[in-house]
Structure formats: C-alpha cells, structure tokens
C-alpha cells in the first residue's frame, strides 16, 4: 500500500461496496414498506452473492499485498528481522474482511447460525482496520499522520454503527449511515494516495506545512458531504424508479375495479327493468 495504486485498490473496493449499498438498502426498504410480514425470497440470495464478492475483494487484496514484486511472499521473519510488516498489516486487515464475508455467507446458508453474527464479525473487521491504522503511522511526517488519523473517524464510526446493527436489525437509518461512511472511506483512500503519492508527475505536498493539514481537514468534511449526497441521490432515484414501476399496475387494477363496478351497476339496472 506504500504507493498510489496500493491506496487506490482498497479505495475502489470500499467505494464499490458503498455504492452498491446505497442502491440495495433503499430498494429493500421501499419494497418492504407496508409488507413487513413478507420477506422477499430473493434477498438471501443477493446477500450471499454480495458476501462472496466482498470475500473475493479481500482475497485479491491479500494476494496483492503479499505477491507484488517487493512483497513479503508469505515470509514474516527471515534472517533475524521482520519482513515487510506494513504489507503484513494490510494483509491482516483484508483477512478480517474476508472473514466477515465468509460469516455473511454462512449466516444465510446455515440455518442454526444466529442472524446477528454477520454484523458482529463485520464490526470486528472494521474495528481491526482502525486498530491497525492507529499504530500504522508513528514516526511519520505530520501530514501523513493526520490524513491517516482522519480515516479513523470513519472506520471506528462504521464499527460502532455495525455493532448497533447487531442489536437493531434492518434499520434503514443505520444502514444508510454505514453506507455513507463506506463511500467516504473509499474516496478518502483515493485522497490519501493523491496526497502522499501524487500521480501524473504532480508536485509533492509539503508534509510539514500546517496549512496543508488545515486544508486536508476541510477536505475530509467535503468528502463526507459528497458521500451523503450520493446516498440521498441514489435513494431518491430508487424511490422514483419503484414508483414508476408501480403506477401502470395500480392504474390497471383501478381500471378493472371501475369496469367491474360499472358492469355490476348495469346488471342491476337490467335486472330491475326485467322485474318491471
């Protein structure tokens, strides 16, 4: 991860998952609204596929950290020294997210596993990510430390929200909050890559300039505002799309009801005239 691509890769993973959640949860909530007693039979299948994709993302991350040309290649200790501990820390982070994906799949595939286990393991994975990053930036320049520590607000915030979901299941507010934090985490990984490892030959940032620290703090707030906007826009689009799908069907039902009512009325008139 000590380069631009190494930050863009996890950033892309979190961003893809966050964007997917910003569509999935509104769709699930709007579809089930007024139908709380009927669980859609396709939802468990979707959850299993999503968990499998997240597990695949994590495995790709582990392989990328271990088997890049200058990676540790699964060697942790060699010739009286540790081998590429930074890569090992990143691999550990991915390993916990892989465990989260596997726990999600087992929760929906094995009936005797309690439903909250998936959220609990996901919360542990998020907490582990923050725990590792907290001890990841010691003895680095001030801007490098600050930009990584800002990430901890998102990571630990996400861990707390996911833990609440263990107790309060299927709460749309908590789910959308978690979604916004996942999107921000994805965009912020990209931001870290642009700041610490500027691509395309752009000038490097002064790591000790306090003004840069002030700006990057504002930038962190802007990232979250963008994440909230994305969640709001996708929720609105899903709501509009589902209403568009319902209108023709509702119109057909109303038309049939009107036709039936008219037919009954005409039949009553005819029967009345026959009796006369």
C-alpha atoms as a PDB file:
ATOM      1  CA  UNK A   1       0.000   0.000   0.000  1.00  0.00           C
ATOM      2  CA  UNK A   2       3.033   2.294   0.127  1.00  0.00           C
ATOM      3  CA  UNK A   3       2.215   3.759  -3.277  1.00  0.00           C
ATOM      4  CA  UNK A   4      -0.688   5.297  -5.172  1.00  0.00           C
ATOM      5  CA  UNK A   5      -2.037   2.009  -6.528  1.00  0.00           C
ATOM      6  CA  UNK A   6      -1.909   0.466  -3.066  1.00  0.00           C
ATOM      7  CA  UNK A   7      -4.344   3.106  -1.797  1.00  0.00           C
ATOM      8  CA  UNK A   8      -6.496   3.142  -4.932  1.00  0.00           C
ATOM      9  CA  UNK A   9      -7.161  -0.618  -4.660  1.00  0.00           C
ATOM     10  CA  UNK A  10      -8.839  -0.661  -1.193  1.00  0.00           C
ATOM     11  CA  UNK A  11     -10.429   2.690  -2.023  1.00  0.00           C
ATOM     12  CA  UNK A  12     -12.079   1.137  -5.059  1.00  0.00           C
ATOM     13  CA  UNK A  13     -13.263  -1.846  -3.011  1.00  0.00           C
ATOM     14  CA  UNK A  14     -14.916   0.321  -0.347  1.00  0.00           C
ATOM     15  CA  UNK A  15     -16.369   2.658  -2.963  1.00  0.00           C
ATOM     16  CA  UNK A  16     -17.933  -0.178  -4.980  1.00  0.00           C
ATOM     17  CA  UNK A  17     -19.447  -1.746  -1.853  1.00  0.00           C
ATOM     18  CA  UNK A  18     -20.707   1.630  -0.615  1.00  0.00           C
ATOM     19  CA  UNK A  19     -22.330   2.494  -3.950  1.00  0.00           C
ATOM     20  CA  UNK A  20     -23.979  -0.937  -4.042  1.00  0.00           C
ATOM     21  CA  UNK A  21     -25.333  -0.465  -0.524  1.00  0.00           C
ATOM     22  CA  UNK A  22     -26.680   2.973  -1.488  1.00  0.00           C
ATOM     23  CA  UNK A  23     -28.941   1.220  -4.010  1.00  0.00           C
ATOM     24  CA  UNK A  24     -29.632  -2.061  -2.205  1.00  0.00           C
ATOM     25  CA  UNK A  25     -30.861  -0.711   1.112  1.00  0.00           C
ATOM     26  CA  UNK A  26     -33.281   1.892  -0.306  1.00  0.00           C
ATOM     27  CA  UNK A  27     -34.681  -0.727  -2.683  1.00  0.00           C
ATOM     28  CA  UNK A  28     -35.143  -3.225   0.143  1.00  0.00           C
ATOM     29  CA  UNK A  29     -36.726  -0.645   2.454  1.00  0.00           C
ATOM     30  CA  UNK A  30     -39.126   0.817  -0.103  1.00  0.00           C
ATOM     31  CA  UNK A  31     -40.110  -2.612  -1.409  1.00  0.00           C
ATOM     32  CA  UNK A  32     -40.831  -3.973   2.067  1.00  0.00           C
ATOM     33  CA  UNK A  33     -42.607  -0.861   3.314  1.00  0.00           C
ATOM     34  CA  UNK A  34     -46.154  -1.934   4.061  1.00  0.00           C
ATOM     35  CA  UNK A  35     -45.172  -5.577   3.530  1.00  0.00           C
ATOM     36  CA  UNK A  36     -43.227  -6.206   6.731  1.00  0.00           C
ATOM     37  CA  UNK A  37     -44.677  -9.681   7.162  1.00  0.00           C
ATOM     38  CA  UNK A  38     -43.464 -10.866   3.750  1.00  0.00           C
ATOM     39  CA  UNK A  39     -39.740 -11.388   3.220  1.00  0.00           C
ATOM     40  CA  UNK A  40     -38.746 -11.334  -0.433  1.00  0.00           C
ATOM     41  CA  UNK A  41     -37.297 -14.725  -1.338  1.00  0.00           C
ATOM     42  CA  UNK A  42     -34.503 -13.202  -3.439  1.00  0.00           C
ATOM     43  CA  UNK A  43     -32.936 -11.159  -0.622  1.00  0.00           C
ATOM     44  CA  UNK A  44     -30.928 -14.020   0.965  1.00  0.00           C
ATOM     45  CA  UNK A  45     -29.563 -14.907  -2.466  1.00  0.00           C
ATOM     46  CA  UNK A  46     -28.480 -11.304  -3.042  1.00  0.00           C
ATOM     47  CA  UNK A  47     -26.825 -11.195   0.398  1.00  0.00           C
ATOM     48  CA  UNK A  48     -24.876 -14.386  -0.343  1.00  0.00           C
ATOM     49  CA  UNK A  49     -23.661 -13.056  -3.698  1.00  0.00           C
ATOM     50  CA  UNK A  50     -22.621  -9.752  -2.118  1.00  0.00           C
ATOM     51  CA  UNK A  51     -20.748 -11.558   0.657  1.00  0.00           C
ATOM     52  CA  UNK A  52     -18.952 -13.713  -1.911  1.00  0.00           C
ATOM     53  CA  UNK A  53     -17.880 -10.618  -3.855  1.00  0.00           C
ATOM     54  CA  UNK A  54     -16.603  -8.926  -0.690  1.00  0.00           C
ATOM     55  CA  UNK A  55     -14.671 -12.061   0.184  1.00  0.00           C
ATOM     56  CA  UNK A  56     -13.165 -12.086  -3.318  1.00  0.00           C
ATOM     57  CA  UNK A  57     -12.151  -8.426  -2.960  1.00  0.00           C
ATOM     58  CA  UNK A  58     -10.398  -9.273   0.317  1.00  0.00           C
ATOM     59  CA  UNK A  59      -8.549 -12.230  -1.182  1.00  0.00           C
ATOM     60  CA  UNK A  60      -7.388 -10.051  -4.084  1.00  0.00           C
ATOM     61  CA  UNK A  61      -6.120  -7.509  -1.540  1.00  0.00           C
ATOM     62  CA  UNK A  62      -4.175 -10.164   0.367  1.00  0.00           C
ATOM     63  CA  UNK A  63      -2.605 -11.532  -2.806  1.00  0.00           C
ATOM     64  CA  UNK A  64      -1.695  -8.031  -3.975  1.00  0.00           C
ATOM     65  CA  UNK A  65      -0.011  -7.196  -0.653  1.00  0.00           C
ATOM     66  CA  UNK A  66       1.887 -10.478  -0.444  1.00  0.00           C
ATOM     67  CA  UNK A  67       2.939 -11.163  -4.011  1.00  0.00           C
ATOM     68  CA  UNK A  68       3.841  -7.804  -5.510  1.00  0.00           C
ATOM     69  CA  UNK A  69       7.486  -7.839  -6.691  1.00  0.00           C
ATOM     70  CA  UNK A  70       8.764  -6.289  -3.456  1.00  0.00           C
ATOM     71  CA  UNK A  71       6.212  -8.018  -1.200  1.00  0.00           C
ATOM     72  CA  UNK A  72       6.969 -10.470   1.614  1.00  0.00           C
ATOM     73  CA  UNK A  73       5.694 -13.520  -0.337  1.00  0.00           C
ATOM     74  CA  UNK A  74       4.286 -15.030   2.903  1.00  0.00           C
ATOM     75  CA  UNK A  75       7.622 -14.641   4.730  1.00  0.00           C
ATOM     76  CA  UNK A  76       7.060 -12.976   8.109  1.00  0.00           C
ATOM     77  CA  UNK A  77      10.501 -13.380   9.663  1.00  0.00           C
ATOM     78  CA  UNK A  78      13.797 -14.023   7.924  1.00  0.00           C
ATOM     79  CA  UNK A  79      17.468 -13.670   8.872  1.00  0.00           C
ATOM     80  CA  UNK A  80      16.857 -12.044  12.256  1.00  0.00           C
ATOM     81  CA  UNK A  81      14.425  -9.367  11.049  1.00  0.00           C
ATOM     82  CA  UNK A  82      10.753  -8.903  10.249  1.00  0.00           C
ATOM     83  CA  UNK A  83       9.825  -8.952   6.580  1.00  0.00           C
ATOM     84  CA  UNK A  84       7.628  -6.123   5.203  1.00  0.00           C
ATOM     85  CA  UNK A  85       5.465  -5.626   8.285  1.00  0.00           C
ATOM     86  CA  UNK A  86       3.479  -2.876   6.542  1.00  0.00           C
ATOM     87  CA  UNK A  87       2.337  -5.374   3.910  1.00  0.00           C
ATOM     88  CA  UNK A  88       1.516  -7.850   6.670  1.00  0.00           C
ATOM     89  CA  UNK A  89      -0.627  -5.272   8.472  1.00  0.00           C
ATOM     90  CA  UNK A  90      -2.573  -4.587   5.278  1.00  0.00           C
ATOM     91  CA  UNK A  91      -2.946  -8.326   4.685  1.00  0.00           C
ATOM     92  CA  UNK A  92      -4.314  -8.708   8.225  1.00  0.00           C
ATOM     93  CA  UNK A  93      -6.890  -6.008   7.526  1.00  0.00           C
ATOM     94  CA  UNK A  94      -8.007  -7.802   4.357  1.00  0.00           C
ATOM     95  CA  UNK A  95      -8.036 -11.129   6.217  1.00  0.00           C
ATOM     96  CA  UNK A  96     -10.601  -9.863   8.728  1.00  0.00           C
ATOM     97  CA  UNK A  97     -12.818  -8.513   5.947  1.00  0.00           C
ATOM     98  CA  UNK A  98     -12.572 -11.898   4.230  1.00  0.00           C
ATOM     99  CA  UNK A  99     -13.726 -13.483   7.499  1.00  0.00           C
ATOM    100  CA  UNK A 100     -16.631 -11.019   7.522  1.00  0.00           C
ATOM    101  CA  UNK A 101     -17.681 -12.064   4.024  1.00  0.00           C
ATOM    102  CA  UNK A 102     -17.494 -15.738   4.937  1.00  0.00           C
ATOM    103  CA  UNK A 103     -19.527 -15.116   8.100  1.00  0.00           C
ATOM    104  CA  UNK A 104     -22.178 -13.359   5.995  1.00  0.00           C
ATOM    105  CA  UNK A 105     -22.442 -16.319   3.638  1.00  0.00           C
ATOM    106  CA  UNK A 106     -22.655 -18.841   6.481  1.00  0.00           C
ATOM    107  CA  UNK A 107     -25.337 -16.778   8.229  1.00  0.00           C
ATOM    108  CA  UNK A 108     -27.641 -17.161   5.225  1.00  0.00           C
ATOM    109  CA  UNK A 109     -26.592 -20.685   4.253  1.00  0.00           C
ATOM    110  CA  UNK A 110     -26.582 -22.370   7.688  1.00  0.00           C
ATOM    111  CA  UNK A 111     -29.890 -22.082   9.499  1.00  0.00           C
ATOM    112  CA  UNK A 112     -28.641 -22.590  13.069  1.00  0.00           C
ATOM    113  CA  UNK A 113     -26.202 -19.614  12.952  1.00  0.00           C
ATOM    114  CA  UNK A 114     -27.790 -16.552  14.650  1.00  0.00           C
ATOM    115  CA  UNK A 115     -28.609 -13.735  12.233  1.00  0.00           C
ATOM    116  CA  UNK A 116     -26.572 -11.099  14.108  1.00  0.00           C
ATOM    117  CA  UNK A 117     -23.278 -12.979  13.699  1.00  0.00           C
ATOM    118  CA  UNK A 118     -22.708 -11.447  10.259  1.00  0.00           C
ATOM    119  CA  UNK A 119     -22.898  -7.890  11.612  1.00  0.00           C
ATOM    120  CA  UNK A 120     -20.799  -8.756  14.655  1.00  0.00           C
ATOM    121  CA  UNK A 121     -17.926 -10.132  12.557  1.00  0.00           C
ATOM    122  CA  UNK A 122     -18.182  -7.136  10.211  1.00  0.00           C
ATOM    123  CA  UNK A 123     -17.956  -4.793  13.213  1.00  0.00           C
ATOM    124  CA  UNK A 124     -14.857  -6.668  14.447  1.00  0.00           C
ATOM    125  CA  UNK A 125     -13.303  -6.370  10.965  1.00  0.00           C
ATOM    126  CA  UNK A 126     -13.902  -2.620  10.875  1.00  0.00           C
ATOM    127  CA  UNK A 127     -12.536  -2.187  14.413  1.00  0.00           C
ATOM    128  CA  UNK A 128      -9.443  -4.232  13.498  1.00  0.00           C
ATOM    129  CA  UNK A 129      -8.835  -1.998  10.494  1.00  0.00           C
ATOM    130  CA  UNK A 130      -8.912   1.096  12.708  1.00  0.00           C
ATOM    131  CA  UNK A 131      -6.782  -0.575  15.384  1.00  0.00           C
ATOM    132  CA  UNK A 132      -4.098  -1.444  12.827  1.00  0.00           C
ATOM    133  CA  UNK A 133      -4.127   2.020  11.256  1.00  0.00           C
ATOM    134  CA  UNK A 134      -3.797   3.686  14.656  1.00  0.00           C
ATOM    135  CA  UNK A 135      -0.403   2.002  15.157  1.00  0.00           C
ATOM    136  CA  UNK A 136       0.477   2.343  11.492  1.00  0.00           C
ATOM    137  CA  UNK A 137       1.711   5.932  11.215  1.00  0.00           C
ATOM    138  CA  UNK A 138       4.071   6.538  14.144  1.00  0.00           C
ATOM    139  CA  UNK A 139       7.262   8.464  13.354  1.00  0.00           C
ATOM    140  CA  UNK A 140       5.850   9.721  10.058  1.00  0.00           C
ATOM    141  CA  UNK A 141       5.598  13.359   8.867  1.00  0.00           C
ATOM    142  CA  UNK A 142       2.709  15.376  10.374  1.00  0.00           C
ATOM    143  CA  UNK A 143       0.536  15.437   7.236  1.00  0.00           C
ATOM    144  CA  UNK A 144       0.965  11.694   6.721  1.00  0.00           C
ATOM    145  CA  UNK A 145      -0.104  11.021  10.305  1.00  0.00           C
ATOM    146  CA  UNK A 146      -3.020  13.450  10.177  1.00  0.00           C
ATOM    147  CA  UNK A 147      -4.516  12.170   6.923  1.00  0.00           C
ATOM    148  CA  UNK A 148      -4.460   8.604   8.234  1.00  0.00           C
ATOM    149  CA  UNK A 149      -5.839   9.555  11.654  1.00  0.00           C
ATOM    150  CA  UNK A 150      -8.777  11.295   9.957  1.00  0.00           C
ATOM    151  CA  UNK A 151      -9.580   7.943   8.405  1.00  0.00           C
ATOM    152  CA  UNK A 152     -10.005   6.520  11.911  1.00  0.00           C
ATOM    153  CA  UNK A 153     -13.104   8.657  12.500  1.00  0.00           C
ATOM    154  CA  UNK A 154     -14.763   6.939   9.545  1.00  0.00           C
ATOM    155  CA  UNK A 155     -13.503   3.465  10.418  1.00  0.00           C
ATOM    156  CA  UNK A 156     -14.382   3.493  14.129  1.00  0.00           C
ATOM    157  CA  UNK A 157     -17.660   5.257  13.368  1.00  0.00           C
ATOM    158  CA  UNK A 158     -18.518   2.476  10.946  1.00  0.00           C
ATOM    159  CA  UNK A 159     -17.555  -0.170  13.507  1.00  0.00           C
ATOM    160  CA  UNK A 160     -19.887   1.413  16.073  1.00  0.00           C
ATOM    161  CA  UNK A 161     -22.799   1.609  13.624  1.00  0.00           C
ATOM    162  CA  UNK A 162     -22.342  -2.001  12.536  1.00  0.00           C
ATOM    163  CA  UNK A 163     -22.253  -3.129  16.176  1.00  0.00           C
ATOM    164  CA  UNK A 164     -25.548  -1.305  16.767  1.00  0.00           C
ATOM    165  CA  UNK A 165     -26.964  -3.259  13.833  1.00  0.00           C
ATOM    166  CA  UNK A 166     -26.314  -6.460  15.783  1.00  0.00           C
ATOM    167  CA  UNK A 167     -28.993  -5.259  18.208  1.00  0.00           C
ATOM    168  CA  UNK A 168     -31.169  -3.143  15.888  1.00  0.00           C
ATOM    169  CA  UNK A 169     -31.543  -5.203  12.726  1.00  0.00           C
ATOM    170  CA  UNK A 170     -32.748  -3.830   9.370  1.00  0.00           C
ATOM    171  CA  UNK A 171     -32.837  -0.196  10.478  1.00  0.00           C
ATOM    172  CA  UNK A 172     -32.715   1.917   7.309  1.00  0.00           C
ATOM    173  CA  UNK A 173     -31.159   4.924   9.088  1.00  0.00           C
ATOM    174  CA  UNK A 174     -28.254   2.874  10.457  1.00  0.00           C
ATOM    175  CA  UNK A 175     -27.814   1.123   7.106  1.00  0.00           C
ATOM    176  CA  UNK A 176     -27.654   4.398   5.184  1.00  0.00           C
ATOM    177  CA  UNK A 177     -25.297   5.887   7.778  1.00  0.00           C
ATOM    178  CA  UNK A 178     -22.997   2.886   7.358  1.00  0.00           C
ATOM    179  CA  UNK A 179     -23.285   3.278   3.592  1.00  0.00           C
ATOM    180  CA  UNK A 180     -22.192   6.917   3.695  1.00  0.00           C
ATOM    181  CA  UNK A 181     -19.169   6.008   5.844  1.00  0.00           C
ATOM    182  CA  UNK A 182     -18.183   3.219   3.435  1.00  0.00           C
ATOM    183  CA  UNK A 183     -18.343   5.626   0.484  1.00  0.00           C
ATOM    184  CA  UNK A 184     -16.286   8.212   2.359  1.00  0.00           C
ATOM    185  CA  UNK A 185     -13.724   5.587   3.304  1.00  0.00           C
ATOM    186  CA  UNK A 186     -13.394   4.633  -0.353  1.00  0.00           C
ATOM    187  CA  UNK A 187     -12.941   8.205  -1.571  1.00  0.00           C
ATOM    188  CA  UNK A 188     -10.595   9.006   1.316  1.00  0.00           C
ATOM    189  CA  UNK A 189      -8.238   6.147   0.409  1.00  0.00           C
ATOM    190  CA  UNK A 190      -8.020   7.703  -3.032  1.00  0.00           C
ATOM    191  CA  UNK A 191      -7.379  11.103  -1.444  1.00  0.00           C
ATOM    192  CA  UNK A 192      -4.541   9.662   0.660  1.00  0.00           C
ATOM    193  CA  UNK A 193      -3.000   8.236  -2.497  1.00  0.00           C
ATOM    194  CA  UNK A 194      -3.178  11.603  -4.284  1.00  0.00           C
ATOM    195  CA  UNK A 195      -1.669  13.451  -1.306  1.00  0.00           C
ATOM    196  CA  UNK A 196       1.145  11.093  -0.302  1.00  0.00           C
ATOM    197  CA  UNK A 197       1.965   9.632  -3.719  1.00  0.00           C
ATOM    198  CA  UNK A 198       0.943  12.249  -6.334  1.00  0.00           C
ATOM    199  CA  UNK A 199       0.442  10.556  -9.718  1.00  0.00           C
ATOM    200  CA  UNK A 200       0.999  12.002 -13.187  1.00  0.00           C
ATOM    201  CA  UNK A 201       4.069  13.948 -12.075  1.00  0.00           C
ATOM    202  CA  UNK A 202       2.132  16.456  -9.975  1.00  0.00           C
ATOM    203  CA  UNK A 203       4.097  18.363  -7.279  1.00  0.00           C
ATOM    204  CA  UNK A 204       4.500  16.686  -3.899  1.00  0.00           C
ATOM    205  CA  UNK A 205       2.732  18.086  -0.837  1.00  0.00           C
ATOM    206  CA  UNK A 206       4.750  19.682   1.936  1.00  0.00           C
ATOM    207  CA  UNK A 207       4.341  17.122   4.717  1.00  0.00           C
ATOM    208  CA  UNK A 208       5.153  19.651   7.470  1.00  0.00           C
ATOM    209  CA  UNK A 209       3.073  22.618   6.321  1.00  0.00           C
ATOM    210  CA  UNK A 210       0.288  23.329   8.830  1.00  0.00           C
ATOM    211  CA  UNK A 211      -1.846  24.939   6.109  1.00  0.00           C
ATOM    212  CA  UNK A 212      -1.891  21.631   4.272  1.00  0.00           C
ATOM    213  CA  UNK A 213      -3.129  19.934   7.458  1.00  0.00           C
ATOM    214  CA  UNK A 214      -5.896  22.533   7.802  1.00  0.00           C
ATOM    215  CA  UNK A 215      -6.922  22.108   4.163  1.00  0.00           C
ATOM    216  CA  UNK A 216      -6.960  18.316   4.311  1.00  0.00           C
ATOM    217  CA  UNK A 217      -9.220  18.506   7.393  1.00  0.00           C
ATOM    218  CA  UNK A 218     -11.711  20.617   5.420  1.00  0.00           C
ATOM    219  CA  UNK A 219     -11.342  18.210   2.522  1.00  0.00           C
ATOM    220  CA  UNK A 220     -12.315  15.330   4.825  1.00  0.00           C
ATOM    221  CA  UNK A 221     -15.575  17.140   5.656  1.00  0.00           C
ATOM    222  CA  UNK A 222     -16.237  17.745   1.954  1.00  0.00           C
ATOM    223  CA  UNK A 223     -15.734  14.057   1.244  1.00  0.00           C
ATOM    224  CA  UNK A 224     -18.424  13.158   3.744  1.00  0.00           C
ATOM    225  CA  UNK A 225     -20.783  15.761   2.290  1.00  0.00           C
ATOM    226  CA  UNK A 226     -20.277  14.167  -1.129  1.00  0.00           C
ATOM    227  CA  UNK A 227     -20.928  10.718   0.387  1.00  0.00           C
ATOM    228  CA  UNK A 228     -24.180  11.935   1.960  1.00  0.00           C
ATOM    229  CA  UNK A 229     -25.220  13.496  -1.359  1.00  0.00           C
ATOM    230  CA  UNK A 230     -24.591  10.231  -3.194  1.00  0.00           C
ATOM    231  CA  UNK A 231     -26.717   8.322  -0.668  1.00  0.00           C
ATOM    232  CA  UNK A 232     -29.520  10.892  -0.926  1.00  0.00           C
ATOM    233  CA  UNK A 233     -29.452  10.952  -4.746  1.00  0.00           C
ATOM    234  CA  UNK A 234     -29.461   7.149  -5.055  1.00  0.00           C
ATOM    235  CA  UNK A 235     -32.273   6.856  -2.502  1.00  0.00           C
ATOM    236  CA  UNK A 236     -34.315   9.384  -4.497  1.00  0.00           C
ATOM    237  CA  UNK A 237     -33.610   7.603  -7.786  1.00  0.00           C
ATOM    238  CA  UNK A 238     -34.624   4.226  -6.345  1.00  0.00           C
ATOM    239  CA  UNK A 239     -37.812   5.744  -4.891  1.00  0.00           C
ATOM    240  CA  UNK A 240     -38.674   7.392  -8.223  1.00  0.00           C
ATOM    241  CA  UNK A 241     -37.910   4.237 -10.204  1.00  0.00           C
ATOM    242  CA  UNK A 242     -40.027   1.983  -7.990  1.00  0.00           C
ATOM    243  CA  UNK A 243     -42.945   4.410  -8.095  1.00  0.00           C
ATOM    244  CA  UNK A 244     -42.725   4.426 -11.893  1.00  0.00           C
ATOM    245  CA  UNK A 245     -42.953   0.641 -11.883  1.00  0.00           C
ATOM    246  CA  UNK A 246     -46.000   0.633  -9.584  1.00  0.00           C
ATOM    247  CA  UNK A 247     -48.072   3.242 -11.442  1.00  0.00           C
ATOM    248  CA  UNK A 248     -49.080   1.175 -14.512  1.00  0.00           C
ATOM    249  CA  UNK A 249     -50.072  -1.773 -12.319  1.00  0.00           C
ATOM    250  CA  UNK A 250     -52.103   0.431  -9.981  1.00  0.00           C
ATOM    251  CA  UNK A 251     -53.804   2.007 -12.991  1.00  0.00           C
ATOM    252  CA  UNK A 252     -54.710  -1.387 -14.393  1.00  0.00           C
ATOM    253  CA  UNK A 253     -56.155  -2.502 -11.050  1.00  0.00           C
ATOM    254  CA  UNK A 254     -58.199   0.686 -10.711  1.00  0.00           C
ATOM    255  CA  UNK A 255     -59.429   0.342 -14.291  1.00  0.00           C
ATOM    256  CA  UNK A 256     -60.545  -3.231 -13.696  1.00  0.00           C
ATOM    257  CA  UNK A 257     -62.293  -2.258 -10.489  1.00  0.00           C
ATOM    258  CA  UNK A 258     -64.109   0.564 -12.255  1.00  0.00           C
ATOM    259  CA  UNK A 259     -65.066  -1.768 -15.096  1.00  0.00           C
ATOM    260  CA  UNK A 260     -66.384  -4.368 -12.647  1.00  0.00           C
ATOM    261  CA  UNK A 261     -68.349  -1.731 -10.725  1.00  0.00           C
ATOM    262  CA  UNK A 262     -69.894  -0.426 -13.946  1.00  0.00           C
ATOM    263  CA  UNK A 263     -70.777  -3.937 -15.045  1.00  0.00           C
ATOM    264  CA  UNK A 264     -72.468  -4.672 -11.704  1.00  0.00           C
ATOM    265  CA  UNK A 265     -74.396  -1.409 -11.905  1.00  0.00           C
ATOM    266  CA  UNK A 266     -75.569  -2.125 -15.462  1.00  0.00           C
ATOM    267  CA  UNK A 267     -76.566  -5.691 -14.472  1.00  0.00           C
ATOM    268  CA  UNK A 268     -78.596  -4.323 -11.554  1.00  0.00           C
ATOM    269  CA  UNK A 269     -80.412  -1.889 -13.871  1.00  0.00           C
ATOM    270  CA  UNK A 270     -81.184  -4.624 -16.357  1.00  0.00           C
ATOM    271  CA  UNK A 271     -82.480  -6.945 -13.645  1.00  0.00           C
ATOM    272  CA  UNK A 272     -84.640  -4.132 -12.314  1.00  0.00           C
ATOM    273  CA  UNK A 273     -86.127  -3.429 -15.718  1.00  0.00           C
ATOM    274  CA  UNK A 274     -86.838  -7.159 -16.237  1.00  0.00           C
ATOM    275  CA  UNK A 275     -88.761  -7.330 -12.971  1.00  0.00           C
ATOM    276  CA  UNK A 276     -90.852  -4.373 -14.008  1.00  0.00           C
END
